[in-house]
C-alpha atoms as a PDB file:
ATOM      1  CA  UNK A   1     -29.032  32.801  42.709  1.00  0.00           C
ATOM      2  CA  UNK A   2     -32.595  31.578  44.805  1.00  0.00           C
ATOM      3  CA  UNK A   3     -31.628  27.559  46.726  1.00  0.00           C
ATOM      4  CA  UNK A   4     -34.444  26.863  43.621  1.00  0.00           C
ATOM      5  CA  UNK A   5     -32.103  28.157  40.958  1.00  0.00           C
ATOM      6  CA  UNK A   6     -29.416  26.385  42.471  1.00  0.00           C
ATOM      7  CA  UNK A   7     -31.214  23.219  42.469  1.00  0.00           C
ATOM      8  CA  UNK A   8     -32.164  22.996  39.248  1.00  0.00           C
ATOM      9  CA  UNK A   9     -28.777  23.809  38.219  1.00  0.00           C
ATOM     10  CA  UNK A  10     -27.565  20.501  39.689  1.00  0.00           C
ATOM     11  CA  UNK A  11     -30.063  18.681  38.440  1.00  0.00           C
ATOM     12  CA  UNK A  12     -29.736  19.614  35.096  1.00  0.00           C
ATOM     13  CA  UNK A  13     -25.567  18.856  34.932  1.00  0.00           C
ATOM     14  CA  UNK A  14     -26.282  15.619  36.889  1.00  0.00           C
ATOM     15  CA  UNK A  15     -28.464  14.102  34.097  1.00  0.00           C
ATOM     16  CA  UNK A  16     -26.042  16.064  31.583  1.00  0.00           C
ATOM     17  CA  UNK A  17     -23.116  13.999  33.321  1.00  0.00           C
ATOM     18  CA  UNK A  18     -25.221  10.908  33.555  1.00  0.00           C
ATOM     19  CA  UNK A  19     -25.711  10.892  29.197  1.00  0.00           C
ATOM     20  CA  UNK A  20     -22.060  11.585  29.491  1.00  0.00           C
ATOM     21  CA  UNK A  21     -21.305   8.562  31.013  1.00  0.00           C
ATOM     22  CA  UNK A  22     -23.214   6.414  29.500  1.00  0.00           C
ATOM     23  CA  UNK A  23     -21.644   7.649  25.731  1.00  0.00           C
ATOM     24  CA  UNK A  24     -18.348   6.793  27.576  1.00  0.00           C
ATOM     25  CA  UNK A  25     -19.605   3.811  28.233  1.00  0.00           C
ATOM     26  CA  UNK A  26     -20.567   2.913  25.241  1.00  0.00           C
ATOM     27  CA  UNK A  27     -17.292   3.453  23.857  1.00  0.00           C
ATOM     28  CA  UNK A  28     -15.880   1.729  25.888  1.00  0.00           C
ATOM     29  CA  UNK A  29     -17.400  -0.998  24.928  1.00  0.00           C
ATOM     30  CA  UNK A  30     -16.797  -0.013  21.397  1.00  0.00           C
ATOM     31  CA  UNK A  31     -13.732  -0.407  21.514  1.00  0.00           C
ATOM     32  CA  UNK A  32     -13.261  -3.262  23.297  1.00  0.00           C
ATOM     33  CA  UNK A  33     -14.949  -4.981  20.164  1.00  0.00           C
ATOM     34  CA  UNK A  34     -12.539  -3.884  17.957  1.00  0.00           C
ATOM     35  CA  UNK A  35      -9.567  -4.613  19.672  1.00  0.00           C
ATOM     36  CA  UNK A  36     -10.966  -8.137  20.140  1.00  0.00           C
ATOM     37  CA  UNK A  37     -11.024  -8.471  16.381  1.00  0.00           C
ATOM     38  CA  UNK A  38      -8.125  -6.452  15.850  1.00  0.00           C
ATOM     39  CA  UNK A  39      -6.534  -9.053  18.446  1.00  0.00           C
ATOM     40  CA  UNK A  40      -8.150 -11.797  16.340  1.00  0.00           C
ATOM     41  CA  UNK A  41      -7.188 -10.937  12.768  1.00  0.00           C
ATOM     42  CA  UNK A  42      -3.542 -10.619  14.188  1.00  0.00           C
ATOM     43  CA  UNK A  43      -3.388 -13.650  15.141  1.00  0.00           C
ATOM     44  CA  UNK A  44      -3.498 -15.046  11.611  1.00  0.00           C
ATOM     45  CA  UNK A  45      -1.165 -13.164  10.486  1.00  0.00           C
ATOM     46  CA  UNK A  46       1.341 -15.548   8.888  1.00  0.00           C
ATOM     47  CA  UNK A  47       4.785 -14.007  10.376  1.00  0.00           C
ATOM     48  CA  UNK A  48       5.415 -11.049  13.298  1.00  0.00           C
ATOM     49  CA  UNK A  49       3.942  -7.570  13.749  1.00  0.00           C
ATOM     50  CA  UNK A  50       6.034  -5.317  15.047  1.00  0.00           C
ATOM     51  CA  UNK A  51       6.226  -1.564  15.150  1.00  0.00           C
ATOM     52  CA  UNK A  52       9.374   0.570  17.090  1.00  0.00           C
ATOM     53  CA  UNK A  53       9.575   4.220  18.194  1.00  0.00           C
ATOM     54  CA  UNK A  54      12.746   5.900  17.191  1.00  0.00           C
ATOM     55  CA  UNK A  55      14.177   5.917  20.129  1.00  0.00           C
ATOM     56  CA  UNK A  56      14.946   2.001  19.799  1.00  0.00           C
ATOM     57  CA  UNK A  57      11.966   1.350  21.874  1.00  0.00           C
ATOM     58  CA  UNK A  58       9.703  -1.247  20.806  1.00  0.00           C
ATOM     59  CA  UNK A  59       6.125  -0.311  21.270  1.00  0.00           C
ATOM     60  CA  UNK A  60       4.241  -4.134  19.782  1.00  0.00           C
ATOM     61  CA  UNK A  61       5.365  -7.061  18.142  1.00  0.00           C
ATOM     62  CA  UNK A  62       2.527  -9.574  17.950  1.00  0.00           C
ATOM     63  CA  UNK A  63       2.045 -12.491  20.423  1.00  0.00           C
ATOM     64  CA  UNK A  64       3.042 -14.925  17.434  1.00  0.00           C
ATOM     65  CA  UNK A  65       7.339 -14.617  17.961  1.00  0.00           C
ATOM     66  CA  UNK A  66       6.374 -17.098  20.252  1.00  0.00           C
ATOM     67  CA  UNK A  67       6.010 -19.259  17.922  1.00  0.00           C
ATOM     68  CA  UNK A  68       8.929 -18.177  15.892  1.00  0.00           C
ATOM     69  CA  UNK A  69      11.372 -17.437  18.454  1.00  0.00           C
ATOM     70  CA  UNK A  70      10.388 -19.307  21.515  1.00  0.00           C
ATOM     71  CA  UNK A  71       9.721 -16.490  24.105  1.00  0.00           C
ATOM     72  CA  UNK A  72       6.315 -14.170  24.583  1.00  0.00           C
ATOM     73  CA  UNK A  73       5.838 -11.228  23.516  1.00  0.00           C
ATOM     74  CA  UNK A  74       6.057  -9.721  27.063  1.00  0.00           C
ATOM     75  CA  UNK A  75       9.442 -10.363  27.069  1.00  0.00           C
ATOM     76  CA  UNK A  76      10.926  -8.672  24.362  1.00  0.00           C
ATOM     77  CA  UNK A  77       8.609  -5.325  25.285  1.00  0.00           C
ATOM     78  CA  UNK A  78      10.083  -5.596  28.115  1.00  0.00           C
ATOM     79  CA  UNK A  79      13.480  -5.097  27.055  1.00  0.00           C
ATOM     80  CA  UNK A  80      14.268  -4.363  23.342  1.00  0.00           C
ATOM     81  CA  UNK A  81      17.209  -5.296  23.283  1.00  0.00           C
ATOM     82  CA  UNK A  82      16.505  -8.813  23.877  1.00  0.00           C
ATOM     83  CA  UNK A  83      15.373  -9.435  20.161  1.00  0.00           C
ATOM     84  CA  UNK A  84      18.223  -7.970  19.211  1.00  0.00           C
ATOM     85  CA  UNK A  85      19.996 -10.738  21.289  1.00  0.00           C
ATOM     86  CA  UNK A  86      18.850 -13.261  19.701  1.00  0.00           C
ATOM     87  CA  UNK A  87      19.406 -12.405  16.026  1.00  0.00           C
ATOM     88  CA  UNK A  88      22.913 -14.738  14.283  1.00  0.00           C
ATOM     89  CA  UNK A  89      26.135 -13.271  15.407  1.00  0.00           C
ATOM     90  CA  UNK A  90      27.178 -13.660  11.583  1.00  0.00           C
ATOM     91  CA  UNK A  91      24.048 -11.288  10.975  1.00  0.00           C
ATOM     92  CA  UNK A  92      23.865  -8.926  13.730  1.00  0.00           C
ATOM     93  CA  UNK A  93      26.209  -6.286  12.061  1.00  0.00           C
ATOM     94  CA  UNK A  94      24.137  -6.122   8.651  1.00  0.00           C
ATOM     95  CA  UNK A  95      20.758  -6.026  10.855  1.00  0.00           C
ATOM     96  CA  UNK A  96      21.778  -3.069  12.808  1.00  0.00           C
ATOM     97  CA  UNK A  97      23.369  -0.970   9.557  1.00  0.00           C
ATOM     98  CA  UNK A  98      19.738  -2.239   8.238  1.00  0.00           C
ATOM     99  CA  UNK A  99      17.874  -0.724  11.139  1.00  0.00           C
ATOM    100  CA  UNK A 100      20.257   2.451  11.276  1.00  0.00           C
ATOM    101  CA  UNK A 101      18.999   3.567   7.629  1.00  0.00           C
ATOM    102  CA  UNK A 102      15.619   3.372   8.547  1.00  0.00           C
ATOM    103  CA  UNK A 103      15.922   5.315  11.886  1.00  0.00           C
ATOM    104  CA  UNK A 104      17.869   7.461   9.706  1.00  0.00           C
ATOM    105  CA  UNK A 105      15.711   7.879   6.375  1.00  0.00           C
ATOM    106  CA  UNK A 106      14.641  11.262   5.164  1.00  0.00           C
ATOM    107  CA  UNK A 107      10.893   9.734   3.237  1.00  0.00           C
ATOM    108  CA  UNK A 108       9.061   6.611   4.401  1.00  0.00           C
ATOM    109  CA  UNK A 109      10.094   4.140   2.198  1.00  0.00           C
ATOM    110  CA  UNK A 110       9.995   0.015   2.734  1.00  0.00           C
ATOM    111  CA  UNK A 111      12.666  -2.091   3.374  1.00  0.00           C
ATOM    112  CA  UNK A 112      13.476  -5.468   3.671  1.00  0.00           C
ATOM    113  CA  UNK A 113      16.911  -7.770   5.089  1.00  0.00           C
ATOM    114  CA  UNK A 114      16.832 -11.639   5.076  1.00  0.00           C
ATOM    115  CA  UNK A 115      19.134 -12.654   8.058  1.00  0.00           C
ATOM    116  CA  UNK A 116      19.298 -15.720  10.804  1.00  0.00           C
ATOM    117  CA  UNK A 117      17.387 -15.704  14.194  1.00  0.00           C
ATOM    118  CA  UNK A 118      18.676 -17.661  17.199  1.00  0.00           C
ATOM    119  CA  UNK A 119      15.405 -19.231  19.043  1.00  0.00           C
ATOM    120  CA  UNK A 120      15.646 -20.425  22.653  1.00  0.00           C
ATOM    121  CA  UNK A 121      16.628 -24.034  22.018  1.00  0.00           C
ATOM    122  CA  UNK A 122      19.307 -23.051  20.408  1.00  0.00           C
ATOM    123  CA  UNK A 123      17.701 -23.372  16.123  1.00  0.00           C
ATOM    124  CA  UNK A 124      18.807 -21.337  13.834  1.00  0.00           C
ATOM    125  CA  UNK A 125      15.779 -19.624  11.813  1.00  0.00           C
ATOM    126  CA  UNK A 126      16.152 -17.849   8.957  1.00  0.00           C
ATOM    127  CA  UNK A 127      13.677 -14.536   8.278  1.00  0.00           C
ATOM    128  CA  UNK A 128      12.985 -11.804   5.925  1.00  0.00           C
ATOM    129  CA  UNK A 129      12.263  -8.229   7.635  1.00  0.00           C
ATOM    130  CA  UNK A 130      10.472  -6.206   5.829  1.00  0.00           C
ATOM    131  CA  UNK A 131       9.623  -2.490   7.281  1.00  0.00           C
ATOM    132  CA  UNK A 132       8.794   1.138   6.564  1.00  0.00           C
ATOM    133  CA  UNK A 133       9.684   3.817   7.773  1.00  0.00           C
ATOM    134  CA  UNK A 134       6.660   5.547   9.048  1.00  0.00           C
ATOM    135  CA  UNK A 135       6.016   9.757   9.099  1.00  0.00           C
ATOM    136  CA  UNK A 136       4.439  12.042  10.403  1.00  0.00           C
ATOM    137  CA  UNK A 137       4.599  15.894  10.058  1.00  0.00           C
ATOM    138  CA  UNK A 138       7.529  14.996   8.690  1.00  0.00           C
ATOM    139  CA  UNK A 139       8.984  13.651  11.505  1.00  0.00           C
ATOM    140  CA  UNK A 140       9.820   9.775  11.708  1.00  0.00           C
ATOM    141  CA  UNK A 141       7.062   8.443  14.165  1.00  0.00           C
ATOM    142  CA  UNK A 142       7.881   4.606  14.033  1.00  0.00           C
ATOM    143  CA  UNK A 143       9.180   1.785  12.366  1.00  0.00           C
ATOM    144  CA  UNK A 144       6.546  -0.503  11.177  1.00  0.00           C
ATOM    145  CA  UNK A 145       7.069  -4.713  10.370  1.00  0.00           C
ATOM    146  CA  UNK A 146       6.438  -8.031   9.702  1.00  0.00           C
ATOM    147  CA  UNK A 147       8.951 -11.021  10.068  1.00  0.00           C
ATOM    148  CA  UNK A 148       8.659 -13.889   8.313  1.00  0.00           C
ATOM    149  CA  UNK A 149      10.467 -16.883   8.300  1.00  0.00           C
ATOM    150  CA  UNK A 150      11.788 -17.963   5.329  1.00  0.00           C
ATOM    151  CA  UNK A 151      10.704 -21.340   4.588  1.00  0.00           C
ATOM    152  CA  UNK A 152       7.121 -20.762   5.190  1.00  0.00           C
ATOM    153  CA  UNK A 153       7.172 -17.645   3.744  1.00  0.00           C
ATOM    154  CA  UNK A 154       8.671 -19.842   0.724  1.00  0.00           C
ATOM    155  CA  UNK A 155       5.846 -22.060   1.089  1.00  0.00           C
ATOM    156  CA  UNK A 156       2.673 -19.766   1.736  1.00  0.00           C
ATOM    157  CA  UNK A 157       3.790 -17.908  -1.437  1.00  0.00           C
ATOM    158  CA  UNK A 158       3.824 -21.662  -3.432  1.00  0.00           C
ATOM    159  CA  UNK A 159       0.299 -22.588  -1.642  1.00  0.00           C
ATOM    160  CA  UNK A 160      -1.322 -18.781  -2.974  1.00  0.00           C
ATOM    161  CA  UNK A 161       0.205 -19.838  -6.614  1.00  0.00           C
ATOM    162  CA  UNK A 162      -1.160 -22.801  -6.494  1.00  0.00           C
ATOM    163  CA  UNK A 163      -4.489 -21.740  -5.395  1.00  0.00           C
ATOM    164  CA  UNK A 164      -4.628 -18.888  -8.086  1.00  0.00           C
ATOM    165  CA  UNK A 165      -3.965 -21.584 -11.174  1.00  0.00           C
ATOM    166  CA  UNK A 166      -6.549 -24.071  -9.587  1.00  0.00           C
ATOM    167  CA  UNK A 167      -8.894 -20.713  -9.778  1.00  0.00           C
ATOM    168  CA  UNK A 168      -7.870 -19.494 -13.233  1.00  0.00           C
END
């Protein structure tokens, strides 16, 4: 290969590389935009969204957990056991049993449980936890859920019913 051919190859590779880098930057910008929109959307959900791995590791918990229980999402993500530590002692057995049922489910399906939690300030909060076992390729991939403060859930349902009656 002549030096002219080698130089041509290097220039062509450089052009391709620059094009790939430009596309990569576009994708990163688009991803940041989508991520921002998703975070904005999640902030409007009246409850705490979560996702945990079959090994029990908490993969996601929405920032709204701070308003419900008094600690930021990062605190719970650092140690998944912290969430269960805040379950009211009288309800802990039921919550463990329910979670085990979700983790050992054979098929996808929704399940819900009402229980009490202890806020960091000591107040008791009644919650409704609705979870779904999510399967991928026949294997449990994760459990996704939504936790709402029961009085807040009741108020939301009443508001929606009232709006429906007014609109109808």
